[in-house]
Amino acid sequence: GSEQVVFASSGAGEARSRVILRRLIDEHRLPETGWHLDFGCGDGSLLRNAAAVLPGWWRAGAEINESRRPEIEAIDGVREFYAGNIAAIPTRFDLVTTVHVLEHFEQPATIAAMLAGKLAAGGLLMIQTPDLLNNPFDLLIADHATHFTPAVMRQCLAKAGLAPLALTADWTPRELSVVARRAEVGATEAGADSAM
């Protein structure tokens, strides 16, 4: 039930979701307020860290079932909890995050496209998955239906109608981190491979 800790070169450890959120804020200049959906929110680790680093934002969590509803709704700033079908989520969000979720789907581009449809104009989708090139043990995880490399991720994003603003393996060890927008927003792939 504890969140994975990421260690800096100094040896200090920090929760992975806080590291991810700080990089997102620093590199993509998130505004002080907005609506954030964490799809596949699990026990709410990312949402709890978002409450600390994005205190002016409203939050929502989405999961496959209702079992975590009370603990998610207790997180500071959480206004909504959604269970079940993505299509039933009525709101548009300035930020949608999904961390270690897409690899569990046989058709991840379909899920990514549905999440893209939940973005407000100019909204960002942040995806994180295992990076097969840096973590070949990902092949041994039985419930991972898709294994991501940068090339596979780019194909997934293109099929989903998303344009990457960043696709990098340097935010957290052995993981791919992606920030994308709906392609029609005018985002380009310029610089998307800059950190690979």
N, C-alpha and C. Protein backbone atom coordinates (compact mmCIF):
# COMPACT_ATOMS: atom_id res chain seq x y z
N GLY A 1 0.79 -1.21 0.00
CA GLY A 1 0.00 0.00 0.00
C GLY A 1 0.83 1.27 0.00
N SER A 2 2.15 1.16 0.16
CA SER A 2 2.99 2.35 0.16
C SER A 2 3.40 2.70 -1.26
N GLU A 3 3.53 4.01 -1.50
CA GLU A 3 3.95 4.45 -2.83
C GLU A 3 5.44 4.23 -3.02
N GLN A 4 5.82 3.91 -4.25
CA GLN A 4 7.22 3.73 -4.59
C GLN A 4 7.99 5.02 -4.34
N VAL A 5 9.19 4.86 -3.79
CA VAL A 5 10.07 6.00 -3.53
C VAL A 5 11.10 6.07 -4.65
N VAL A 6 11.37 7.28 -5.12
CA VAL A 6 12.38 7.54 -6.13
C VAL A 6 13.55 8.23 -5.43
N PHE A 7 14.75 7.75 -5.70
CA PHE A 7 15.93 8.31 -5.05
C PHE A 7 16.68 9.24 -5.99
N ALA A 8 17.01 10.41 -5.48
CA ALA A 8 17.80 11.39 -6.23
C ALA A 8 19.27 11.03 -6.11
N SER A 9 20.10 11.69 -6.91
CA SER A 9 21.54 11.43 -6.86
C SER A 9 22.11 11.75 -5.49
N SER A 10 21.44 12.61 -4.73
CA SER A 10 21.89 12.95 -3.38
C SER A 10 21.62 11.83 -2.39
N GLY A 11 20.82 10.84 -2.81
CA GLY A 11 20.47 9.73 -1.94
C GLY A 11 19.15 9.94 -1.22
N ALA A 12 18.57 11.13 -1.33
CA ALA A 12 17.29 11.42 -0.68
C ALA A 12 16.15 10.75 -1.46
N GLY A 13 15.20 10.19 -0.75
CA GLY A 13 14.05 9.55 -1.38
C GLY A 13 12.82 10.44 -1.33
N GLU A 14 11.98 10.32 -2.35
CA GLU A 14 10.75 11.09 -2.42
C GLU A 14 9.70 10.25 -3.15
N ALA A 15 8.45 10.43 -2.80
CA ALA A 15 7.36 9.69 -3.44
C ALA A 15 7.38 9.93 -4.94
N ARG A 16 7.23 8.83 -5.71
CA ARG A 16 7.28 8.93 -7.17
C ARG A 16 6.28 9.95 -7.71
N SER A 17 5.05 9.94 -7.21
CA SER A 17 4.04 10.85 -7.75
C SER A 17 4.40 12.32 -7.49
N ARG A 18 5.05 12.61 -6.38
CA ARG A 18 5.47 14.00 -6.12
C ARG A 18 6.56 14.41 -7.11
N VAL A 19 7.50 13.49 -7.40
CA VAL A 19 8.55 13.76 -8.38
C VAL A 19 7.93 14.04 -9.75
N ILE A 20 6.99 13.20 -10.14
CA ILE A 20 6.32 13.36 -11.44
C ILE A 20 5.60 14.70 -11.51
N LEU A 21 4.85 15.02 -10.48
CA LEU A 21 4.08 16.27 -10.48
C LEU A 21 4.99 17.49 -10.50
N ARG A 22 6.08 17.45 -9.77
CA ARG A 22 7.01 18.60 -9.78
C ARG A 22 7.61 18.80 -11.16
N ARG A 23 7.99 17.70 -11.81
CA ARG A 23 8.55 17.83 -13.17
C ARG A 23 7.49 18.40 -14.11
N LEU A 24 6.27 17.92 -13.99
CA LEU A 24 5.17 18.40 -14.82
C LEU A 24 4.96 19.90 -14.61
N ILE A 25 4.91 20.33 -13.37
CA ILE A 25 4.71 21.75 -13.05
C ILE A 25 5.87 22.59 -13.57
N ASP A 26 7.08 22.15 -13.32
CA ASP A 26 8.26 22.91 -13.72
C ASP A 26 8.42 23.01 -15.23
N GLU A 27 8.20 21.91 -15.93
CA GLU A 27 8.47 21.86 -17.36
C GLU A 27 7.30 22.31 -18.23
N HIS A 28 6.09 22.31 -17.67
CA HIS A 28 4.92 22.65 -18.49
C HIS A 28 4.10 23.78 -17.91
N ARG A 29 4.65 24.47 -16.92
CA ARG A 29 4.10 25.71 -16.38
C ARG A 29 2.60 25.63 -16.14
N LEU A 30 2.20 24.72 -15.28
CA LEU A 30 0.79 24.60 -14.94
C LEU A 30 0.32 25.85 -14.22
N PRO A 31 -0.91 26.27 -14.49
CA PRO A 31 -1.44 27.45 -13.79
C PRO A 31 -1.72 27.13 -12.31
N GLU A 32 -2.04 28.15 -11.54
CA GLU A 32 -2.27 27.96 -10.11
C GLU A 32 -3.61 27.31 -9.80
N THR A 33 -4.56 27.35 -10.75
CA THR A 33 -5.86 26.71 -10.54
C THR A 33 -6.22 25.90 -11.77
N GLY A 34 -7.09 24.92 -11.58
CA GLY A 34 -7.56 24.09 -12.68
C GLY A 34 -8.27 22.87 -12.16
N TRP A 35 -8.71 22.03 -13.09
CA TRP A 35 -9.40 20.78 -12.79
C TRP A 35 -8.48 19.63 -13.17
N HIS A 36 -8.27 18.69 -12.27
CA HIS A 36 -7.35 17.56 -12.48
C HIS A 36 -8.10 16.25 -12.25
N LEU A 37 -8.00 15.33 -13.21
CA LEU A 37 -8.52 13.97 -13.08
C LEU A 37 -7.35 13.01 -13.05
N ASP A 38 -7.33 12.14 -12.03
CA ASP A 38 -6.35 11.05 -12.01
C ASP A 38 -7.11 9.77 -12.35
N PHE A 39 -6.85 9.25 -13.55
CA PHE A 39 -7.52 8.05 -14.03
C PHE A 39 -6.72 6.83 -13.59
N GLY A 40 -7.39 5.92 -12.88
CA GLY A 40 -6.70 4.78 -12.28
C GLY A 40 -6.03 5.23 -10.99
N CYS A 41 -6.79 5.96 -10.18
CA CYS A 41 -6.21 6.65 -9.01
C CYS A 41 -5.82 5.71 -7.88
N GLY A 42 -6.23 4.45 -7.91
CA GLY A 42 -5.83 3.50 -6.87
C GLY A 42 -6.16 4.00 -5.49
N ASP A 43 -5.14 4.03 -4.61
CA ASP A 43 -5.37 4.47 -3.23
C ASP A 43 -5.26 5.98 -3.06
N GLY A 44 -5.04 6.70 -4.15
CA GLY A 44 -5.01 8.16 -4.10
C GLY A 44 -3.65 8.78 -3.88
N SER A 45 -2.58 8.01 -4.03
CA SER A 45 -1.23 8.55 -3.78
C SER A 45 -0.95 9.80 -4.61
N LEU A 46 -1.23 9.75 -5.90
CA LEU A 46 -0.95 10.90 -6.75
C LEU A 46 -1.85 12.07 -6.37
N LEU A 47 -3.12 11.81 -6.07
CA LEU A 47 -4.03 12.88 -5.69
C LEU A 47 -3.61 13.54 -4.39
N ARG A 48 -3.12 12.76 -3.43
CA ARG A 48 -2.63 13.34 -2.16
C ARG A 48 -1.43 14.24 -2.41
N ASN A 49 -0.52 13.82 -3.27
CA ASN A 49 0.63 14.66 -3.59
C ASN A 49 0.23 15.87 -4.40
N ALA A 50 -0.78 15.72 -5.25
CA ALA A 50 -1.29 16.87 -6.02
C ALA A 50 -1.89 17.91 -5.07
N ALA A 51 -2.52 17.46 -4.00
CA ALA A 51 -3.07 18.40 -3.03
C ALA A 51 -1.97 19.26 -2.42
N ALA A 52 -0.78 18.69 -2.28
CA ALA A 52 0.36 19.42 -1.70
C ALA A 52 1.03 20.36 -2.71
N VAL A 53 1.18 19.92 -3.95
CA VAL A 53 1.94 20.73 -4.92
C VAL A 53 1.05 21.55 -5.86
N LEU A 54 -0.24 21.23 -5.92
CA LEU A 54 -1.20 22.01 -6.71
C LEU A 54 -2.39 22.36 -5.82
N PRO A 55 -2.17 23.12 -4.75
CA PRO A 55 -3.23 23.33 -3.77
C PRO A 55 -4.44 24.10 -4.29
N GLY A 56 -4.28 24.89 -5.34
CA GLY A 56 -5.39 25.67 -5.86
C GLY A 56 -6.27 24.91 -6.84
N TRP A 57 -5.92 23.67 -7.14
CA TRP A 57 -6.67 22.88 -8.12
C TRP A 57 -7.78 22.07 -7.46
N TRP A 58 -8.86 21.84 -8.21
CA TRP A 58 -9.86 20.86 -7.82
C TRP A 58 -9.44 19.54 -8.41
N ARG A 59 -9.76 18.46 -7.73
CA ARG A 59 -9.33 17.13 -8.13
C ARG A 59 -10.50 16.18 -8.26
N ALA A 60 -10.28 15.15 -9.10
CA ALA A 60 -11.24 14.05 -9.24
C ALA A 60 -10.43 12.77 -9.42
N GLY A 61 -10.97 11.68 -8.93
CA GLY A 61 -10.35 10.38 -9.11
C GLY A 61 -11.28 9.47 -9.88
N ALA A 62 -10.69 8.54 -10.64
CA ALA A 62 -11.48 7.56 -11.38
C ALA A 62 -10.85 6.19 -11.18
N GLU A 63 -11.70 5.22 -10.92
CA GLU A 63 -11.25 3.84 -10.72
C GLU A 63 -12.27 2.90 -11.33
N ILE A 64 -11.89 1.65 -11.43
CA ILE A 64 -12.73 0.64 -12.06
C ILE A 64 -13.97 0.31 -11.22
N ASN A 65 -13.87 0.48 -9.89
CA ASN A 65 -15.02 0.19 -9.03
C ASN A 65 -15.07 1.19 -7.87
N GLU A 66 -16.04 1.00 -6.99
CA GLU A 66 -16.32 1.94 -5.90
C GLU A 66 -15.48 1.70 -4.64
N SER A 67 -14.66 0.67 -4.59
CA SER A 67 -14.04 0.25 -3.33
C SER A 67 -13.19 1.32 -2.65
N ARG A 68 -12.61 2.23 -3.40
CA ARG A 68 -11.74 3.26 -2.81
C ARG A 68 -12.43 4.62 -2.65
N ARG A 69 -13.71 4.69 -2.97
CA ARG A 69 -14.42 5.97 -2.94
C ARG A 69 -14.21 6.74 -1.63
N PRO A 70 -14.44 6.17 -0.44
CA PRO A 70 -14.31 6.97 0.79
C PRO A 70 -12.91 7.56 0.98
N GLU A 71 -11.86 6.79 0.71
CA GLU A 71 -10.53 7.33 0.94
C GLU A 71 -10.14 8.37 -0.11
N ILE A 72 -10.65 8.23 -1.35
CA ILE A 72 -10.36 9.23 -2.38
C ILE A 72 -11.11 10.53 -2.08
N GLU A 73 -12.38 10.41 -1.71
CA GLU A 73 -13.17 11.61 -1.42
C GLU A 73 -12.67 12.36 -0.19
N ALA A 74 -11.90 11.71 0.66
CA ALA A 74 -11.35 12.36 1.86
C ALA A 74 -10.10 13.20 1.56
N ILE A 75 -9.54 13.08 0.36
CA ILE A 75 -8.33 13.82 -0.01
C ILE A 75 -8.69 15.29 -0.25
N ASP A 76 -7.87 16.18 0.28
CA ASP A 76 -8.08 17.61 0.16
C ASP A 76 -8.24 18.01 -1.31
N GLY A 77 -9.31 18.73 -1.61
CA GLY A 77 -9.54 19.25 -2.95
C GLY A 77 -10.27 18.30 -3.89
N VAL A 78 -10.50 17.05 -3.48
CA VAL A 78 -11.23 16.12 -4.35
C VAL A 78 -12.71 16.50 -4.34
N ARG A 79 -13.23 16.76 -5.54
CA ARG A 79 -14.64 17.15 -5.70
C ARG A 79 -15.49 16.04 -6.29
N GLU A 80 -14.85 15.09 -6.99
CA GLU A 80 -15.61 14.03 -7.66
C GLU A 80 -14.84 12.72 -7.60
N PHE A 81 -15.59 11.63 -7.62
CA PHE A 81 -15.03 10.29 -7.78
C PHE A 81 -15.90 9.58 -8.80
N TYR A 82 -15.27 8.96 -9.79
CA TYR A 82 -15.98 8.25 -10.84
C TYR A 82 -15.56 6.79 -10.82
N ALA A 83 -16.53 5.91 -10.94
CA ALA A 83 -16.24 4.47 -11.01
C ALA A 83 -16.84 3.92 -12.29
N GLY A 84 -16.09 3.02 -12.94
CA GLY A 84 -16.61 2.37 -14.14
C GLY A 84 -16.12 3.00 -15.42
N ASN A 85 -17.02 3.18 -16.37
CA ASN A 85 -16.74 3.57 -17.73
C ASN A 85 -16.22 5.00 -17.85
N ILE A 86 -15.13 5.18 -18.59
CA ILE A 86 -14.56 6.50 -18.84
C ILE A 86 -15.59 7.41 -19.51
N ALA A 87 -16.35 6.85 -20.43
CA ALA A 87 -17.31 7.65 -21.20
C ALA A 87 -18.34 8.32 -20.30
N ALA A 88 -18.58 7.77 -19.10
CA ALA A 88 -19.58 8.34 -18.20
C ALA A 88 -19.06 9.55 -17.42
N ILE A 89 -17.79 9.86 -17.53
CA ILE A 89 -17.23 11.02 -16.82
C ILE A 89 -17.67 12.27 -17.58
N PRO A 90 -18.47 13.14 -16.95
CA PRO A 90 -19.08 14.25 -17.67
C PRO A 90 -18.22 15.50 -17.82
N THR A 91 -17.21 15.65 -17.02
CA THR A 91 -16.46 16.90 -16.92
C THR A 91 -15.28 16.92 -17.88
N ARG A 92 -14.84 18.10 -18.26
CA ARG A 92 -13.61 18.32 -19.02
C ARG A 92 -12.56 18.82 -18.03
N PHE A 93 -11.32 18.37 -18.22
CA PHE A 93 -10.26 18.65 -17.25
C PHE A 93 -9.09 19.37 -17.90
N ASP A 94 -8.42 20.20 -17.10
CA ASP A 94 -7.22 20.90 -17.55
C ASP A 94 -6.01 19.97 -17.53
N LEU A 95 -6.09 18.95 -16.69
CA LEU A 95 -5.01 17.97 -16.56
C LEU A 95 -5.62 16.61 -16.28
N VAL A 96 -5.22 15.62 -17.06
CA VAL A 96 -5.58 14.23 -16.79
C VAL A 96 -4.27 13.47 -16.62
N THR A 97 -4.16 12.75 -15.51
CA THR A 97 -2.98 11.92 -15.27
C THR A 97 -3.40 10.46 -15.24
N THR A 98 -2.51 9.60 -15.70
CA THR A 98 -2.72 8.17 -15.61
C THR A 98 -1.35 7.52 -15.48
N VAL A 99 -1.09 7.00 -14.30
CA VAL A 99 0.22 6.48 -13.96
C VAL A 99 0.14 4.97 -13.77
N HIS A 100 0.90 4.26 -14.59
CA HIS A 100 0.95 2.80 -14.56
C HIS A 100 -0.45 2.18 -14.70
N VAL A 101 -1.13 2.65 -15.74
CA VAL A 101 -2.48 2.17 -16.05
C VAL A 101 -2.55 1.64 -17.49
N LEU A 102 -2.06 2.39 -18.48
CA LEU A 102 -2.23 2.01 -19.89
C LEU A 102 -1.65 0.65 -20.22
N GLU A 103 -0.59 0.24 -19.53
CA GLU A 103 0.02 -1.06 -19.84
C GLU A 103 -0.90 -2.24 -19.52
N HIS A 104 -1.98 -1.99 -18.78
CA HIS A 104 -2.91 -3.06 -18.42
C HIS A 104 -3.98 -3.29 -19.50
N PHE A 105 -3.95 -2.51 -20.57
CA PHE A 105 -4.97 -2.62 -21.62
C PHE A 105 -4.36 -3.17 -22.91
N GLU A 106 -5.13 -4.03 -23.59
CA GLU A 106 -4.70 -4.58 -24.87
C GLU A 106 -4.76 -3.52 -25.97
N GLN A 107 -5.65 -2.55 -25.84
CA GLN A 107 -5.81 -1.48 -26.82
C GLN A 107 -5.60 -0.14 -26.12
N PRO A 108 -4.38 0.18 -25.70
CA PRO A 108 -4.17 1.41 -24.93
C PRO A 108 -4.51 2.68 -25.69
N ALA A 109 -4.42 2.66 -27.01
CA ALA A 109 -4.75 3.87 -27.79
C ALA A 109 -6.23 4.22 -27.64
N THR A 110 -7.08 3.21 -27.50
CA THR A 110 -8.50 3.46 -27.30
C THR A 110 -8.72 4.18 -25.97
N ILE A 111 -8.04 3.73 -24.93
CA ILE A 111 -8.15 4.36 -23.61
C ILE A 111 -7.57 5.78 -23.67
N ALA A 112 -6.41 5.95 -24.30
CA ALA A 112 -5.79 7.27 -24.41
C ALA A 112 -6.70 8.23 -25.17
N ALA A 113 -7.37 7.74 -26.22
CA ALA A 113 -8.29 8.60 -26.98
C ALA A 113 -9.48 9.02 -26.12
N MET A 114 -9.98 8.10 -25.32
CA MET A 114 -11.09 8.43 -24.43
C MET A 114 -10.66 9.47 -23.40
N LEU A 115 -9.45 9.34 -22.88
CA LEU A 115 -8.93 10.32 -21.93
C LEU A 115 -8.71 11.67 -22.61
N ALA A 116 -8.23 11.64 -23.85
CA ALA A 116 -8.06 12.89 -24.61
C ALA A 116 -9.39 13.61 -24.77
N GLY A 117 -10.46 12.83 -24.90
CA GLY A 117 -11.79 13.41 -25.01
C GLY A 117 -12.28 14.08 -23.74
N LYS A 118 -11.61 13.84 -22.64
CA LYS A 118 -11.96 14.47 -21.36
C LYS A 118 -11.17 15.73 -21.09
N LEU A 119 -10.28 16.11 -22.03
CA LEU A 119 -9.47 17.31 -21.85
C LEU A 119 -10.22 18.57 -22.26
N ALA A 120 -10.11 19.59 -21.45
CA ALA A 120 -10.60 20.91 -21.82
C ALA A 120 -9.68 21.47 -22.91
N ALA A 121 -10.10 22.52 -23.56
CA ALA A 121 -9.25 23.16 -24.58
C ALA A 121 -7.90 23.50 -23.97
N GLY A 122 -6.84 23.04 -24.61
CA GLY A 122 -5.49 23.29 -24.13
C GLY A 122 -5.05 22.40 -22.98
N GLY A 123 -5.90 21.46 -22.57
CA GLY A 123 -5.58 20.58 -21.45
C GLY A 123 -4.45 19.61 -21.76
N LEU A 124 -3.81 19.12 -20.70
CA LEU A 124 -2.68 18.20 -20.82
C LEU A 124 -3.04 16.81 -20.31
N LEU A 125 -2.53 15.81 -21.01
CA LEU A 125 -2.62 14.42 -20.57
C LEU A 125 -1.21 13.98 -20.21
N MET A 126 -1.03 13.54 -18.96
CA MET A 126 0.26 13.02 -18.51
C MET A 126 0.11 11.52 -18.29
N ILE A 127 0.95 10.75 -18.99
CA ILE A 127 0.93 9.29 -18.94
C ILE A 127 2.28 8.83 -18.42
N GLN A 128 2.25 7.82 -17.56
CA GLN A 128 3.50 7.16 -17.20
C GLN A 128 3.29 5.66 -17.28
N THR A 129 4.26 4.98 -17.90
CA THR A 129 4.23 3.52 -18.04
C THR A 129 5.64 2.97 -17.79
N PRO A 130 5.76 1.66 -17.57
CA PRO A 130 7.11 1.07 -17.56
C PRO A 130 7.76 1.26 -18.93
N ASP A 131 9.07 1.37 -18.94
CA ASP A 131 9.85 1.51 -20.18
C ASP A 131 10.53 0.17 -20.45
N LEU A 132 10.03 -0.55 -21.42
CA LEU A 132 10.56 -1.88 -21.72
C LEU A 132 12.06 -1.86 -22.02
N LEU A 133 12.53 -0.80 -22.67
CA LEU A 133 13.95 -0.74 -23.03
C LEU A 133 14.85 -0.65 -21.80
N ASN A 134 14.36 -0.03 -20.74
CA ASN A 134 15.14 0.11 -19.51
C ASN A 134 14.71 -0.84 -18.39
N ASN A 135 13.66 -1.60 -18.65
CA ASN A 135 13.14 -2.53 -17.66
C ASN A 135 12.57 -3.77 -18.34
N PRO A 136 13.43 -4.66 -18.86
CA PRO A 136 12.93 -5.84 -19.57
C PRO A 136 12.13 -6.79 -18.68
N PHE A 137 12.23 -6.65 -17.37
CA PHE A 137 11.45 -7.49 -16.46
C PHE A 137 9.96 -7.19 -16.57
N ASP A 138 9.61 -6.08 -17.21
CA ASP A 138 8.21 -5.76 -17.45
C ASP A 138 7.52 -6.89 -18.22
N LEU A 139 8.28 -7.62 -19.03
CA LEU A 139 7.71 -8.74 -19.80
C LEU A 139 7.17 -9.85 -18.89
N LEU A 140 7.65 -9.91 -17.66
CA LEU A 140 7.24 -10.97 -16.74
C LEU A 140 5.99 -10.65 -15.94
N ILE A 141 5.50 -9.43 -16.04
CA ILE A 141 4.32 -9.04 -15.25
C ILE A 141 3.08 -9.48 -16.01
N ALA A 142 2.39 -10.43 -15.41
CA ALA A 142 1.30 -11.14 -16.10
C ALA A 142 0.16 -10.24 -16.53
N ASP A 143 -0.16 -9.20 -15.77
CA ASP A 143 -1.31 -8.38 -16.14
C ASP A 143 -0.95 -7.17 -17.00
N HIS A 144 0.28 -7.13 -17.51
CA HIS A 144 0.64 -6.08 -18.46
C HIS A 144 0.38 -6.59 -19.88
N ALA A 145 -0.63 -6.02 -20.51
CA ALA A 145 -1.05 -6.46 -21.84
C ALA A 145 -0.30 -5.75 -22.95
N THR A 146 0.31 -4.60 -22.65
CA THR A 146 1.07 -3.83 -23.62
C THR A 146 2.40 -3.45 -22.99
N HIS A 147 3.46 -3.53 -23.77
CA HIS A 147 4.80 -3.17 -23.28
C HIS A 147 5.28 -1.98 -24.10
N PHE A 148 5.60 -0.89 -23.40
CA PHE A 148 5.91 0.37 -24.06
C PHE A 148 7.40 0.62 -24.23
N THR A 149 7.75 1.04 -25.42
CA THR A 149 9.04 1.65 -25.75
C THR A 149 8.67 3.05 -26.26
N PRO A 150 9.63 3.94 -26.44
CA PRO A 150 9.26 5.25 -27.01
C PRO A 150 8.51 5.12 -28.35
N ALA A 151 8.94 4.20 -29.21
CA ALA A 151 8.28 4.04 -30.51
C ALA A 151 6.84 3.55 -30.34
N VAL A 152 6.62 2.60 -29.47
CA VAL A 152 5.26 2.09 -29.23
C VAL A 152 4.39 3.20 -28.65
N MET A 153 4.95 3.98 -27.74
CA MET A 153 4.19 5.08 -27.15
C MET A 153 3.82 6.12 -28.19
N ARG A 154 4.75 6.48 -29.09
CA ARG A 154 4.44 7.44 -30.15
C ARG A 154 3.30 6.92 -31.04
N GLN A 155 3.31 5.63 -31.37
CA GLN A 155 2.23 5.03 -32.17
C GLN A 155 0.90 5.12 -31.42
N CYS A 156 0.93 4.81 -30.15
CA CYS A 156 -0.28 4.87 -29.31
C CYS A 156 -0.84 6.29 -29.30
N LEU A 157 0.01 7.27 -29.09
CA LEU A 157 -0.43 8.67 -29.04
C LEU A 157 -1.02 9.10 -30.38
N ALA A 158 -0.36 8.73 -31.48
CA ALA A 158 -0.85 9.11 -32.81
C ALA A 158 -2.23 8.50 -33.07
N LYS A 159 -2.41 7.22 -32.73
CA LYS A 159 -3.72 6.57 -32.91
C LYS A 159 -4.79 7.21 -32.05
N ALA A 160 -4.40 7.76 -30.90
CA ALA A 160 -5.34 8.39 -29.98
C ALA A 160 -5.62 9.84 -30.33
N GLY A 161 -4.96 10.37 -31.37
CA GLY A 161 -5.16 11.77 -31.73
C GLY A 161 -4.47 12.74 -30.79
N LEU A 162 -3.35 12.29 -30.25
CA LEU A 162 -2.59 13.11 -29.30
C LEU A 162 -1.23 13.49 -29.88
N ALA A 163 -0.77 14.67 -29.56
CA ALA A 163 0.55 15.13 -29.97
C ALA A 163 1.41 15.28 -28.71
N PRO A 164 2.56 14.59 -28.67
CA PRO A 164 3.41 14.69 -27.48
C PRO A 164 4.14 16.02 -27.38
N LEU A 165 4.12 16.58 -26.18
CA LEU A 165 4.95 17.74 -25.87
C LEU A 165 6.25 17.27 -25.24
N ALA A 166 6.20 16.12 -24.58
CA ALA A 166 7.39 15.50 -23.98
C ALA A 166 7.17 14.00 -23.96
N LEU A 167 8.22 13.27 -24.28
CA LEU A 167 8.24 11.81 -24.17
C LEU A 167 9.64 11.49 -23.69
N THR A 168 9.78 11.13 -22.41
CA THR A 168 11.10 11.04 -21.82
C THR A 168 11.22 9.85 -20.86
N ALA A 169 12.44 9.40 -20.72
CA ALA A 169 12.74 8.32 -19.76
C ALA A 169 13.55 8.85 -18.58
N ASP A 170 13.59 10.17 -18.40
CA ASP A 170 14.44 10.69 -17.33
C ASP A 170 13.70 11.27 -16.12
N TRP A 171 12.37 11.17 -16.07
CA TRP A 171 11.67 11.68 -14.89
C TRP A 171 11.83 10.74 -13.70
N THR A 172 11.65 9.44 -13.96
CA THR A 172 11.82 8.42 -12.92
C THR A 172 12.49 7.21 -13.57
N PRO A 173 13.30 6.48 -12.82
CA PRO A 173 14.04 5.35 -13.41
C PRO A 173 13.12 4.27 -13.98
N ARG A 174 13.50 3.77 -15.16
CA ARG A 174 12.86 2.63 -15.83
C ARG A 174 11.40 2.89 -16.23
N GLU A 175 11.04 4.16 -16.38
CA GLU A 175 9.66 4.50 -16.75
C GLU A 175 9.64 5.56 -17.84
N LEU A 176 8.62 5.48 -18.70
CA LEU A 176 8.39 6.51 -19.71
C LEU A 176 7.39 7.51 -19.15
N SER A 177 7.68 8.77 -19.30
CA SER A 177 6.76 9.83 -18.90
C SER A 177 6.41 10.63 -20.15
N VAL A 178 5.12 10.88 -20.32
CA VAL A 178 4.61 11.55 -21.52
C VAL A 178 3.71 12.70 -21.09
N VAL A 179 3.85 13.81 -21.75
CA VAL A 179 2.90 14.91 -21.64
C VAL A 179 2.42 15.18 -23.06
N ALA A 180 1.10 15.18 -23.25
CA ALA A 180 0.54 15.33 -24.59
C ALA A 180 -0.70 16.21 -24.56
N ARG A 181 -1.04 16.71 -25.73
CA ARG A 181 -2.28 17.46 -25.95
C ARG A 181 -3.02 16.82 -27.11
N ARG A 182 -4.31 17.13 -27.20
CA ARG A 182 -5.04 16.69 -28.39
C ARG A 182 -4.37 17.31 -29.60
N ALA A 183 -4.20 16.52 -30.64
CA ALA A 183 -3.45 16.97 -31.82
C ALA A 183 -4.07 18.22 -32.45
N GLU A 184 -5.39 18.36 -32.43
CA GLU A 184 -6.02 19.51 -33.07
C GLU A 184 -5.78 20.80 -32.32
N VAL A 185 -5.24 20.72 -31.08
CA VAL A 185 -4.92 21.92 -30.32
C VAL A 185 -3.72 22.63 -30.94
N GLY A 186 -2.96 21.93 -31.77
CA GLY A 186 -1.83 22.55 -32.45
C GLY A 186 -0.50 22.16 -31.86
N ALA A 187 -0.51 21.19 -30.93
CA ALA A 187 0.77 20.73 -30.38
C ALA A 187 1.52 20.00 -31.47
N THR A 188 2.83 20.06 -31.40
CA THR A 188 3.65 19.37 -32.39
C THR A 188 4.58 18.42 -31.69
N GLU A 189 5.24 17.58 -32.47
CA GLU A 189 6.20 16.66 -31.90
C GLU A 189 7.57 17.28 -31.76
N ALA A 190 7.68 18.56 -32.07
CA ALA A 190 8.99 19.22 -31.95
C ALA A 190 9.47 19.11 -30.51
N GLY A 191 10.64 18.56 -30.36
CA GLY A 191 11.23 18.45 -29.03
C GLY A 191 10.74 17.25 -28.24
N ALA A 192 9.83 16.44 -28.76
CA ALA A 192 9.28 15.34 -28.00
C ALA A 192 10.32 14.30 -27.68
N ASP A 193 11.35 14.19 -28.50
CA ASP A 193 12.40 13.20 -28.25
C ASP A 193 13.62 13.83 -27.58
N SER A 194 13.49 15.05 -27.12
CA SER A 194 14.66 15.77 -26.63
C SER A 194 15.33 15.13 -25.44
N ALA A 195 14.61 14.38 -24.64
CA ALA A 195 15.22 13.82 -23.43
C ALA A 195 15.47 12.32 -23.54
N MET A 196 15.42 11.80 -24.76
CA MET A 196 15.61 10.36 -24.91
C MET A 196 17.03 10.04 -25.31
